[in-house]
Amino acid sequence: MKNLIHTIIFMFGLSVLGQSFILQEDDKQLHFAAGSLAGAIGYHWSYQKHKNKTKAIITALCTSDVAGVAKEVYDDYRGGIFDKRDILATGMGGVFISFTIPLFQNKKRRSK
């Protein structure tokens, strides 16, 4: 199961890398930042609750994706344009933060 999750995250990461050109627009940079923030909040909440990095990463990805979709639904409701690339930029922020936070977390030491 763990390998499946890593494979899905890796495949999503590859598709995100191929779309990095969209971050040249100011609006997409704001979506990236919002996705990073939403992902960080989701990661922190999940890690504090479960003490499991895999669950925290999945929560961060889902939180950023939900934030992106919710924003676009709100834009569409207000009469704006539903832009799929905004959702992608928000998701990219979530992917970025999901894999950055674990790099800086302290490793647990096992007592002998």
C-alpha atoms as a PDB file:
ATOM      1  CA  MET A   1       0.000   0.000   0.000  1.00  0.00           C
ATOM      2  CA  LYS A   2       2.831   2.352   0.871  1.00  0.00           C
ATOM      3  CA  ASN A   3       4.480   1.726  -2.515  1.00  0.00           C
ATOM      4  CA  LEU A   4       1.208   2.488  -4.285  1.00  0.00           C
ATOM      5  CA  ILE A   5       0.910   5.805  -2.481  1.00  0.00           C
ATOM      6  CA  HIS A   6       4.493   6.730  -3.327  1.00  0.00           C
ATOM      7  CA  THR A   7       3.920   5.774  -6.976  1.00  0.00           C
ATOM      8  CA  ILE A   8       0.797   7.942  -7.198  1.00  0.00           C
ATOM      9  CA  ILE A   9       2.590  10.891  -5.587  1.00  0.00           C
ATOM     10  CA  PHE A  10       5.579  10.411  -7.909  1.00  0.00           C
ATOM     11  CA  MET A  11       3.358  10.332 -11.003  1.00  0.00           C
ATOM     12  CA  PHE A  12       1.526  13.460  -9.857  1.00  0.00           C
ATOM     13  CA  GLY A  13       4.880  15.105  -9.194  1.00  0.00           C
ATOM     14  CA  LEU A  14       6.058  14.352 -12.718  1.00  0.00           C
ATOM     15  CA  SER A  15       2.939  15.901 -14.201  1.00  0.00           C
ATOM     16  CA  VAL A  16       3.441  18.953 -11.997  1.00  0.00           C
ATOM     17  CA  LEU A  17       7.041  19.368 -13.161  1.00  0.00           C
ATOM     18  CA  GLY A  18       5.853  19.390 -16.754  1.00  0.00           C
ATOM     19  CA  GLN A  19       3.451  22.227 -15.962  1.00  0.00           C
ATOM     20  CA  SER A  20       5.894  24.531 -14.145  1.00  0.00           C
ATOM     21  CA  PHE A  21       5.633  27.142 -16.900  1.00  0.00           C
ATOM     22  CA  ILE A  22       2.236  28.203 -15.564  1.00  0.00           C
ATOM     23  CA  LEU A  23       3.900  29.683 -12.484  1.00  0.00           C
ATOM     24  CA  GLN A  24       5.097  32.608 -14.586  1.00  0.00           C
ATOM     25  CA  GLU A  25       1.689  34.286 -14.205  1.00  0.00           C
ATOM     26  CA  ASP A  26       1.090  36.370 -11.063  1.00  0.00           C
ATOM     27  CA  ASP A  27      -2.307  34.783 -10.407  1.00  0.00           C
ATOM     28  CA  LYS A  28      -0.812  31.294 -10.553  1.00  0.00           C
ATOM     29  CA  GLN A  29       1.943  32.304  -8.124  1.00  0.00           C
ATOM     30  CA  LEU A  30      -0.719  33.373  -5.641  1.00  0.00           C
ATOM     31  CA  HIS A  31      -2.478  30.028  -6.103  1.00  0.00           C
ATOM     32  CA  PHE A  32       0.843  28.237  -5.546  1.00  0.00           C
ATOM     33  CA  ALA A  33       1.370  30.180  -2.307  1.00  0.00           C
ATOM     34  CA  ALA A  34      -2.203  29.464  -1.163  1.00  0.00           C
ATOM     35  CA  GLY A  35      -1.708  25.758  -1.920  1.00  0.00           C
ATOM     36  CA  SER A  36       1.519  25.758   0.068  1.00  0.00           C
ATOM     37  CA  LEU A  37      -0.213  27.395   3.009  1.00  0.00           C
ATOM     38  CA  ALA A  38      -3.222  25.060   2.882  1.00  0.00           C
ATOM     39  CA  GLY A  39      -0.908  22.058   2.526  1.00  0.00           C
ATOM     40  CA  ALA A  40       1.227  23.165   5.460  1.00  0.00           C
ATOM     41  CA  ILE A  41      -1.840  23.566   7.665  1.00  0.00           C
ATOM     42  CA  GLY A  42      -3.166  20.157   6.599  1.00  0.00           C
ATOM     43  CA  TYR A  43       0.216  18.508   7.131  1.00  0.00           C
ATOM     44  CA  HIS A  44       0.674  20.038  10.578  1.00  0.00           C
ATOM     45  CA  TRP A  45      -2.816  19.112  11.730  1.00  0.00           C
ATOM     46  CA  SER A  46      -2.557  15.535  10.477  1.00  0.00           C
ATOM     47  CA  TYR A  47       0.948  14.966  11.824  1.00  0.00           C
ATOM     48  CA  GLN A  48      -0.043  16.289  15.257  1.00  0.00           C
ATOM     49  CA  LYS A  49      -3.051  13.987  15.305  1.00  0.00           C
ATOM     50  CA  HIS A  50      -1.581  10.771  13.856  1.00  0.00           C
ATOM     51  CA  LYS A  51       2.236  11.116  14.163  1.00  0.00           C
ATOM     52  CA  ASN A  52       2.465   9.502  10.721  1.00  0.00           C
ATOM     53  CA  LYS A  53       4.318  11.262   7.879  1.00  0.00           C
ATOM     54  CA  THR A  54       2.558   9.343   5.099  1.00  0.00           C
ATOM     55  CA  LYS A  55      -0.884  10.286   6.388  1.00  0.00           C
ATOM     56  CA  ALA A  56       0.297  13.857   6.851  1.00  0.00           C
ATOM     57  CA  ILE A  57       1.540  14.066   3.254  1.00  0.00           C
ATOM     58  CA  ILE A  58      -1.746  12.703   1.909  1.00  0.00           C
ATOM     59  CA  THR A  59      -3.689  15.159   4.079  1.00  0.00           C
ATOM     60  CA  ALA A  60      -1.553  18.051   2.846  1.00  0.00           C
ATOM     61  CA  LEU A  61      -2.130  17.096  -0.792  1.00  0.00           C
ATOM     62  CA  CYS A  62      -5.862  16.722  -0.271  1.00  0.00           C
ATOM     63  CA  THR A  63      -6.126  19.972   1.688  1.00  0.00           C
ATOM     64  CA  SER A  64      -4.403  21.985  -1.023  1.00  0.00           C
ATOM     65  CA  ASP A  65      -6.500  20.361  -3.756  1.00  0.00           C
ATOM     66  CA  VAL A  66      -9.735  21.033  -1.884  1.00  0.00           C
ATOM     67  CA  ALA A  67      -8.661  24.654  -1.344  1.00  0.00           C
ATOM     68  CA  GLY A  68      -7.999  25.063  -5.079  1.00  0.00           C
ATOM     69  CA  VAL A  69     -11.287  23.506  -6.159  1.00  0.00           C
ATOM     70  CA  ALA A  70     -13.237  25.494  -3.545  1.00  0.00           C
ATOM     71  CA  LYS A  71     -11.712  28.750  -4.764  1.00  0.00           C
ATOM     72  CA  GLU A  72     -12.567  27.991  -8.372  1.00  0.00           C
ATOM     73  CA  VAL A  73     -16.125  26.965  -7.512  1.00  0.00           C
ATOM     74  CA  TYR A  74     -16.459  30.250  -5.625  1.00  0.00           C
ATOM     75  CA  ASP A  75     -15.102  32.171  -8.636  1.00  0.00           C
ATOM     76  CA  ASP A  76     -17.543  30.392 -10.927  1.00  0.00           C
ATOM     77  CA  TYR A  77     -20.435  31.137  -8.563  1.00  0.00           C
ATOM     78  CA  ARG A  78     -19.504  34.830  -8.517  1.00  0.00           C
ATOM     79  CA  GLY A  79     -19.564  34.934 -12.295  1.00  0.00           C
ATOM     80  CA  GLY A  80     -15.845  34.515 -12.846  1.00  0.00           C
ATOM     81  CA  ILE A  81     -14.021  31.914 -14.864  1.00  0.00           C
ATOM     82  CA  PHE A  82     -13.419  28.364 -13.605  1.00  0.00           C
ATOM     83  CA  ASP A  83      -9.717  27.945 -14.465  1.00  0.00           C
ATOM     84  CA  LYS A  84      -8.317  24.428 -14.194  1.00  0.00           C
ATOM     85  CA  ARG A  85      -4.790  25.800 -14.279  1.00  0.00           C
ATOM     86  CA  ASP A  86      -5.484  27.649 -11.024  1.00  0.00           C
ATOM     87  CA  ILE A  87      -6.355  24.316  -9.419  1.00  0.00           C
ATOM     88  CA  LEU A  88      -3.146  22.839 -10.815  1.00  0.00           C
ATOM     89  CA  ALA A  89      -1.082  25.725  -9.416  1.00  0.00           C
ATOM     90  CA  THR A  90      -2.704  25.311  -6.005  1.00  0.00           C
ATOM     91  CA  GLY A  91      -2.015  21.570  -6.118  1.00  0.00           C
ATOM     92  CA  MET A  92       1.582  22.244  -7.080  1.00  0.00           C
ATOM     93  CA  GLY A  93       1.942  24.328  -3.925  1.00  0.00           C
ATOM     94  CA  GLY A  94       0.604  21.414  -1.913  1.00  0.00           C
ATOM     95  CA  VAL A  95       3.042  18.977  -3.524  1.00  0.00           C
ATOM     96  CA  PHE A  96       5.932  21.354  -2.881  1.00  0.00           C
ATOM     97  CA  ILE A  97       5.168  21.811   0.805  1.00  0.00           C
ATOM     98  CA  SER A  98       4.230  18.143   1.347  1.00  0.00           C
ATOM     99  CA  PHE A  99       7.702  17.006   0.422  1.00  0.00           C
ATOM    100  CA  THR A 100       9.565  19.973   1.905  1.00  0.00           C
ATOM    101  CA  ILE A 101       8.263  19.761   5.482  1.00  0.00           C
ATOM    102  CA  PRO A 102       9.440  16.151   6.097  1.00  0.00           C
ATOM    103  CA  LEU A 103      12.958  17.126   5.042  1.00  0.00           C
ATOM    104  CA  PHE A 104      13.209  19.536   7.958  1.00  0.00           C
ATOM    105  CA  GLN A 105      11.440  17.480  10.619  1.00  0.00           C
ATOM    106  CA  ASN A 106      13.529  16.012  13.409  1.00  0.00           C
ATOM    107  CA  LYS A 107      14.127  12.326  13.148  1.00  0.00           C
ATOM    108  CA  LYS A 108      12.998  10.252  16.105  1.00  0.00           C
ATOM    109  CA  ARG A 109      15.845   8.483  17.852  1.00  0.00           C
ATOM    110  CA  ARG A 110      15.213   5.042  19.226  1.00  0.00           C
ATOM    111  CA  SER A 111      16.471   4.420  22.718  1.00  0.00           C
ATOM    112  CA  LYS A 112      18.673   1.383  23.241  1.00  0.00           C
END
